[in-house]
Amino acid sequence: MRIEVDLDLCQGHGMCEMEAPDIFESGRDSVKILDPQPDSSHSADVERAVRYCPTQALRIVEE
């Protein structure tokens, strides 16, 4: 799995960091992906982060 963020959509709400703090770090206006290819132990947290992103700026790419 790979995580991608559309920085044009991201507004830095921080929902992703609340759901997966080991993977995301939110800033004032955007998010930083700390681990763009997390292992399967983080998949549930990442899926919740993508689902709850208010601007739908995140997506999971299956490889």
PDB file of N, CA and C in Angstrom:
ATOM      1  N   MET A   1       0.844  -1.183   0.000  1.00  0.00           N
ATOM      2  CA  MET A   1       0.000   0.000   0.000  1.00  0.00           C
ATOM      3  C   MET A   1       0.880   1.234   0.000  1.00  0.00           C
ATOM      4  N   ARG A   2       0.432   2.227  -0.751  1.00  0.00           N
ATOM      5  CA  ARG A   2       1.122   3.518  -0.786  1.00  0.00           C
ATOM      6  C   ARG A   2       0.069   4.596  -0.539  1.00  0.00           C
ATOM      7  N   ILE A   3       0.432   5.618   0.202  1.00  0.00           N
ATOM      8  CA  ILE A   3      -0.480   6.709   0.512  1.00  0.00           C
ATOM      9  C   ILE A   3      -0.081   7.925  -0.308  1.00  0.00           C
ATOM     10  N   GLU A   4      -1.083   8.573  -0.888  1.00  0.00           N
ATOM     11  CA  GLU A   4      -0.841   9.807  -1.624  1.00  0.00           C
ATOM     12  C   GLU A   4      -1.738  10.896  -1.066  1.00  0.00           C
ATOM     13  N   VAL A   5      -1.252  12.129  -1.112  1.00  0.00           N
ATOM     14  CA  VAL A   5      -2.034  13.280  -0.663  1.00  0.00           C
ATOM     15  C   VAL A   5      -2.086  14.314  -1.781  1.00  0.00           C
ATOM     16  N   ASP A   6      -3.249  14.864  -1.994  1.00  0.00           N
ATOM     17  CA  ASP A   6      -3.427  15.959  -2.942  1.00  0.00           C
ATOM     18  C   ASP A   6      -3.306  17.249  -2.133  1.00  0.00           C
ATOM     19  N   LEU A   7      -2.152  17.896  -2.205  1.00  0.00           N
ATOM     20  CA  LEU A   7      -1.899  19.088  -1.398  1.00  0.00           C
ATOM     21  C   LEU A   7      -2.764  20.272  -1.813  1.00  0.00           C
ATOM     22  N   ASP A   8      -3.342  20.215  -3.015  1.00  0.00           N
ATOM     23  CA  ASP A   8      -4.277  21.269  -3.431  1.00  0.00           C
ATOM     24  C   ASP A   8      -5.600  21.154  -2.676  1.00  0.00           C
ATOM     25  N   LEU A   9      -5.948  19.937  -2.249  1.00  0.00           N
ATOM     26  CA  LEU A   9      -7.188  19.719  -1.499  1.00  0.00           C
ATOM     27  C   LEU A   9      -6.996  19.807   0.011  1.00  0.00           C
ATOM     28  N   CYS A  10      -5.825  19.405   0.493  1.00  0.00           N
ATOM     29  CA  CYS A  10      -5.574  19.356   1.934  1.00  0.00           C
ATOM     30  C   CYS A  10      -5.647  20.749   2.550  1.00  0.00           C
ATOM     31  N   GLN A  11      -6.373  20.823   3.680  1.00  0.00           N
ATOM     32  CA  GLN A  11      -6.506  22.089   4.398  1.00  0.00           C
ATOM     33  C   GLN A  11      -5.940  21.998   5.815  1.00  0.00           C
ATOM     34  N   GLY A  12      -5.296  20.897   6.149  1.00  0.00           N
ATOM     35  CA  GLY A  12      -4.645  20.757   7.443  1.00  0.00           C
ATOM     36  C   GLY A  12      -5.583  20.564   8.618  1.00  0.00           C
ATOM     37  N   HIS A  13      -6.726  19.900   8.394  1.00  0.00           N
ATOM     38  CA  HIS A  13      -7.675  19.663   9.485  1.00  0.00           C
ATOM     39  C   HIS A  13      -7.104  18.745  10.572  1.00  0.00           C
ATOM     40  N   GLY A  14      -6.222  17.837  10.193  1.00  0.00           N
ATOM     41  CA  GLY A  14      -5.565  16.970  11.168  1.00  0.00           C
ATOM     42  C   GLY A  14      -6.293  15.691  11.499  1.00  0.00           C
ATOM     43  N   MET A  15      -7.366  15.379  10.803  1.00  0.00           N
ATOM     44  CA  MET A  15      -8.085  14.132  11.076  1.00  0.00           C
ATOM     45  C   MET A  15      -7.191  12.922  10.814  1.00  0.00           C
ATOM     46  N   CYS A  16      -6.358  13.010   9.788  1.00  0.00           N
ATOM     47  CA  CYS A  16      -5.476  11.889   9.470  1.00  0.00           C
ATOM     48  C   CYS A  16      -4.486  11.625  10.606  1.00  0.00           C
ATOM     49  N   GLU A  17      -3.955  12.687  11.170  1.00  0.00           N
ATOM     50  CA  GLU A  17      -3.002  12.519  12.273  1.00  0.00           C
ATOM     51  C   GLU A  17      -3.688  11.947  13.504  1.00  0.00           C
ATOM     52  N   MET A  18      -4.929  12.322  13.728  1.00  0.00           N
ATOM     53  CA  MET A  18      -5.660  11.762  14.873  1.00  0.00           C
ATOM     54  C   MET A  18      -5.908  10.269  14.686  1.00  0.00           C
ATOM     55  N   GLU A  19      -6.145   9.834  13.461  1.00  0.00           N
ATOM     56  CA  GLU A  19      -6.410   8.421  13.190  1.00  0.00           C
ATOM     57  C   GLU A  19      -5.136   7.589  13.078  1.00  0.00           C
ATOM     58  N   ALA A  20      -4.070   8.187  12.534  1.00  0.00           N
ATOM     59  CA  ALA A  20      -2.827   7.438  12.308  1.00  0.00           C
ATOM     60  C   ALA A  20      -1.620   8.337  12.612  1.00  0.00           C
ATOM     61  N   PRO A  21      -1.360   8.611  13.889  1.00  0.00           N
ATOM     62  CA  PRO A  21      -0.286   9.546  14.254  1.00  0.00           C
ATOM     63  C   PRO A  21       1.119   9.068  13.887  1.00  0.00           C
ATOM     64  N   ASP A  22       1.311   7.768  13.684  1.00  0.00           N
ATOM     65  CA  ASP A  22       2.621   7.265  13.275  1.00  0.00           C
ATOM     66  C   ASP A  22       2.877   7.479  11.786  1.00  0.00           C
ATOM     67  N   ILE A  23       1.816   7.796  11.045  1.00  0.00           N
ATOM     68  CA  ILE A  23       1.913   7.903   9.594  1.00  0.00           C
ATOM     69  C   ILE A  23       1.813   9.344   9.106  1.00  0.00           C
ATOM     70  N   PHE A  24       0.992  10.160   9.774  1.00  0.00           N
ATOM     71  CA  PHE A  24       0.733  11.525   9.320  1.00  0.00           C
ATOM     72  C   PHE A  24       1.132  12.558  10.365  1.00  0.00           C
ATOM     73  N   GLU A  25       1.578  13.709   9.890  1.00  0.00           N
ATOM     74  CA  GLU A  25       1.844  14.862  10.752  1.00  0.00           C
ATOM     75  C   GLU A  25       1.193  16.067  10.082  1.00  0.00           C
ATOM     76  N   SER A  26       0.186  16.616  10.743  1.00  0.00           N
ATOM     77  CA  SER A  26      -0.526  17.733  10.119  1.00  0.00           C
ATOM     78  C   SER A  26       0.121  19.052  10.503  1.00  0.00           C
ATOM     79  N   GLY A  27       0.118  19.940   9.531  1.00  0.00           N
ATOM     80  CA  GLY A  27       0.627  21.287   9.732  1.00  0.00           C
ATOM     81  C   GLY A  27      -0.522  22.270   9.669  1.00  0.00           C
ATOM     82  N   ARG A  28      -0.193  23.503   9.561  1.00  0.00           N
ATOM     83  CA  ARG A  28      -1.227  24.537   9.548  1.00  0.00           C
ATOM     84  C   ARG A  28      -2.151  24.419   8.337  1.00  0.00           C
ATOM     85  N   ASP A  29      -1.575  24.168   7.166  1.00  0.00           N
ATOM     86  CA  ASP A  29      -2.373  24.126   5.944  1.00  0.00           C
ATOM     87  C   ASP A  29      -2.233  22.842   5.147  1.00  0.00           C
ATOM     88  N   SER A  30      -1.453  21.908   5.633  1.00  0.00           N
ATOM     89  CA  SER A  30      -1.261  20.671   4.871  1.00  0.00           C
ATOM     90  C   SER A  30      -0.794  19.552   5.795  1.00  0.00           C
ATOM     91  N   VAL A  31      -0.552  18.418   5.207  1.00  0.00           N
ATOM     92  CA  VAL A  31      -0.129  17.248   5.965  1.00  0.00           C
ATOM     93  C   VAL A  31       1.188  16.726   5.385  1.00  0.00           C
ATOM     94  N   LYS A  32       1.981  16.141   6.253  1.00  0.00           N
ATOM     95  CA  LYS A  32       3.211  15.475   5.838  1.00  0.00           C
ATOM     96  C   LYS A  32       3.006  13.983   6.079  1.00  0.00           C
ATOM     97  N   ILE A  33       3.308  13.185   5.085  1.00  0.00           N
ATOM     98  CA  ILE A  33       3.217  11.733   5.236  1.00  0.00           C
ATOM     99  C   ILE A  33       4.571  11.249   5.748  1.00  0.00           C
ATOM    100  N   LEU A  34       4.588  10.751   6.965  1.00  0.00           N
ATOM    101  CA  LEU A  34       5.836  10.300   7.588  1.00  0.00           C
ATOM    102  C   LEU A  34       6.305   8.964   7.020  1.00  0.00           C
ATOM    103  N   ASP A  35       5.345   8.118   6.657  1.00  0.00           N
ATOM    104  CA  ASP A  35       5.667   6.805   6.090  1.00  0.00           C
ATOM    105  C   ASP A  35       4.720   6.561   4.916  1.00  0.00           C
ATOM    106  N   PRO A  36       5.132   6.902   3.686  1.00  0.00           N
ATOM    107  CA  PRO A  36       4.237   6.785   2.537  1.00  0.00           C
ATOM    108  C   PRO A  36       3.912   5.345   2.140  1.00  0.00           C
ATOM    109  N   GLN A  37       4.680   4.374   2.652  1.00  0.00           N
ATOM    110  CA  GLN A  37       4.419   2.967   2.354  1.00  0.00           C
ATOM    111  C   GLN A  37       4.420   2.156   3.651  1.00  0.00           C
ATOM    112  N   PRO A  38       3.418   2.373   4.506  1.00  0.00           N
ATOM    113  CA  PRO A  38       3.395   1.669   5.785  1.00  0.00           C
ATOM    114  C   PRO A  38       3.116   0.183   5.615  1.00  0.00           C
ATOM    115  N   ASP A  39       3.567  -0.598   6.586  1.00  0.00           N
ATOM    116  CA  ASP A  39       3.294  -2.030   6.522  1.00  0.00           C
ATOM    117  C   ASP A  39       1.840  -2.307   6.918  1.00  0.00           C
ATOM    118  N   SER A  40       1.448  -3.535   6.778  1.00  0.00           N
ATOM    119  CA  SER A  40       0.049  -3.913   6.969  1.00  0.00           C
ATOM    120  C   SER A  40      -0.458  -3.700   8.399  1.00  0.00           C
ATOM    121  N   SER A  41       0.432  -3.571   9.353  1.00  0.00           N
ATOM    122  CA  SER A  41      -0.015  -3.353  10.734  1.00  0.00           C
ATOM    123  C   SER A  41      -0.685  -1.989  10.904  1.00  0.00           C
ATOM    124  N   HIS A  42      -0.471  -1.082   9.964  1.00  0.00           N
ATOM    125  CA  HIS A  42      -1.066   0.251  10.020  1.00  0.00           C
ATOM    126  C   HIS A  42      -2.271   0.410   9.088  1.00  0.00           C
ATOM    127  N   SER A  43      -2.634  -0.636   8.380  1.00  0.00           N
ATOM    128  CA  SER A  43      -3.654  -0.493   7.339  1.00  0.00           C
ATOM    129  C   SER A  43      -5.000  -0.018   7.873  1.00  0.00           C
ATOM    130  N   ALA A  44      -5.456  -0.498   8.999  1.00  0.00           N
ATOM    131  CA  ALA A  44      -6.755  -0.062   9.538  1.00  0.00           C
ATOM    132  C   ALA A  44      -6.725   1.424   9.894  1.00  0.00           C
ATOM    133  N   ASP A  45      -5.640   1.877  10.512  1.00  0.00           N
ATOM    134  CA  ASP A  45      -5.517   3.292  10.869  1.00  0.00           C
ATOM    135  C   ASP A  45      -5.475   4.171   9.621  1.00  0.00           C
ATOM    136  N   VAL A  46      -4.725   3.741   8.615  1.00  0.00           N
ATOM    137  CA  VAL A  46      -4.614   4.517   7.377  1.00  0.00           C
ATOM    138  C   VAL A  46      -5.964   4.562   6.662  1.00  0.00           C
ATOM    139  N   GLU A  47      -6.669   3.453   6.619  1.00  0.00           N
ATOM    140  CA  GLU A  47      -7.985   3.424   5.975  1.00  0.00           C
ATOM    141  C   GLU A  47      -8.956   4.381   6.666  1.00  0.00           C
ATOM    142  N   ARG A  48      -8.912   4.441   7.997  1.00  0.00           N
ATOM    143  CA  ARG A  48      -9.760   5.400   8.722  1.00  0.00           C
ATOM    144  C   ARG A  48      -9.349   6.833   8.420  1.00  0.00           C
ATOM    145  N   ALA A  49      -8.065   7.082   8.346  1.00  0.00           N
ATOM    146  CA  ALA A  49      -7.577   8.438   8.038  1.00  0.00           C
ATOM    147  C   ALA A  49      -8.074   8.885   6.667  1.00  0.00           C
ATOM    148  N   VAL A  50      -8.011   8.001   5.695  1.00  0.00           N
ATOM    149  CA  VAL A  50      -8.490   8.329   4.351  1.00  0.00           C
ATOM    150  C   VAL A  50     -10.006   8.553   4.372  1.00  0.00           C
ATOM    151  N   ARG A  51     -10.730   7.672   5.052  1.00  0.00           N
ATOM    152  CA  ARG A  51     -12.193   7.764   5.109  1.00  0.00           C
ATOM    153  C   ARG A  51     -12.660   9.058   5.768  1.00  0.00           C
ATOM    154  N   TYR A  52     -11.985   9.485   6.832  1.00  0.00           N
ATOM    155  CA  TYR A  52     -12.448  10.638   7.605  1.00  0.00           C
ATOM    156  C   TYR A  52     -11.831  11.971   7.179  1.00  0.00           C
ATOM    157  N   CYS A  53     -11.001  11.974   6.154  1.00  0.00           N
ATOM    158  CA  CYS A  53     -10.432  13.230   5.667  1.00  0.00           C
ATOM    159  C   CYS A  53     -11.568  14.111   5.137  1.00  0.00           C
ATOM    160  N   PRO A  54     -11.797  15.281   5.743  1.00  0.00           N
ATOM    161  CA  PRO A  54     -12.937  16.109   5.346  1.00  0.00           C
ATOM    162  C   PRO A  54     -12.861  16.649   3.920  1.00  0.00           C
ATOM    163  N   THR A  55     -11.673  16.735   3.352  1.00  0.00           N
ATOM    164  CA  THR A  55     -11.546  17.251   1.990  1.00  0.00           C
ATOM    165  C   THR A  55     -11.237  16.155   0.974  1.00  0.00           C
ATOM    166  N   GLN A  56     -11.184  14.897   1.436  1.00  0.00           N
ATOM    167  CA  GLN A  56     -10.870  13.743   0.583  1.00  0.00           C
ATOM    168  C   GLN A  56      -9.559  13.935  -0.164  1.00  0.00           C
ATOM    169  N   ALA A  57      -8.568  14.452   0.557  1.00  0.00           N
ATOM    170  CA  ALA A  57      -7.255  14.727  -0.033  1.00  0.00           C
ATOM    171  C   ALA A  57      -6.337  13.500  -0.026  1.00  0.00           C
ATOM    172  N   LEU A  58      -6.705  12.458   0.706  1.00  0.00           N
ATOM    173  CA  LEU A  58      -5.849  11.285   0.818  1.00  0.00           C
ATOM    174  C   LEU A  58      -6.406  10.128  -0.003  1.00  0.00           C
ATOM    175  N   ARG A  59      -5.489   9.302  -0.479  1.00  0.00           N
ATOM    176  CA  ARG A  59      -5.924   8.070  -1.131  1.00  0.00           C
ATOM    177  C   ARG A  59      -4.883   6.991  -0.937  1.00  0.00           C
ATOM    178  N   ILE A  60      -5.357   5.761  -0.994  1.00  0.00           N
ATOM    179  CA  ILE A  60      -4.493   4.578  -0.878  1.00  0.00           C
ATOM    180  C   ILE A  60      -4.335   3.987  -2.267  1.00  0.00           C
ATOM    181  N   VAL A  61      -3.101   3.709  -2.640  1.00  0.00           N
ATOM    182  CA  VAL A  61      -2.803   3.046  -3.901  1.00  0.00           C
ATOM    183  C   VAL A  61      -2.294   1.662  -3.561  1.00  0.00           C
ATOM    184  N   GLU A  62      -3.015   0.652  -4.015  1.00  0.00           N
ATOM    185  CA  GLU A  62      -2.591  -0.730  -3.772  1.00  0.00           C
ATOM    186  C   GLU A  62      -1.527  -1.095  -4.799  1.00  0.00           C
ATOM    187  N   GLU A  63      -0.486  -1.721  -4.329  1.00  0.00           N
ATOM    188  CA  GLU A  63       0.620  -2.091  -5.243  1.00  0.00           C
ATOM    189  C   GLU A  63       0.719  -3.578  -5.378  1.00  0.00           C
TER     190      GLU A  63
END
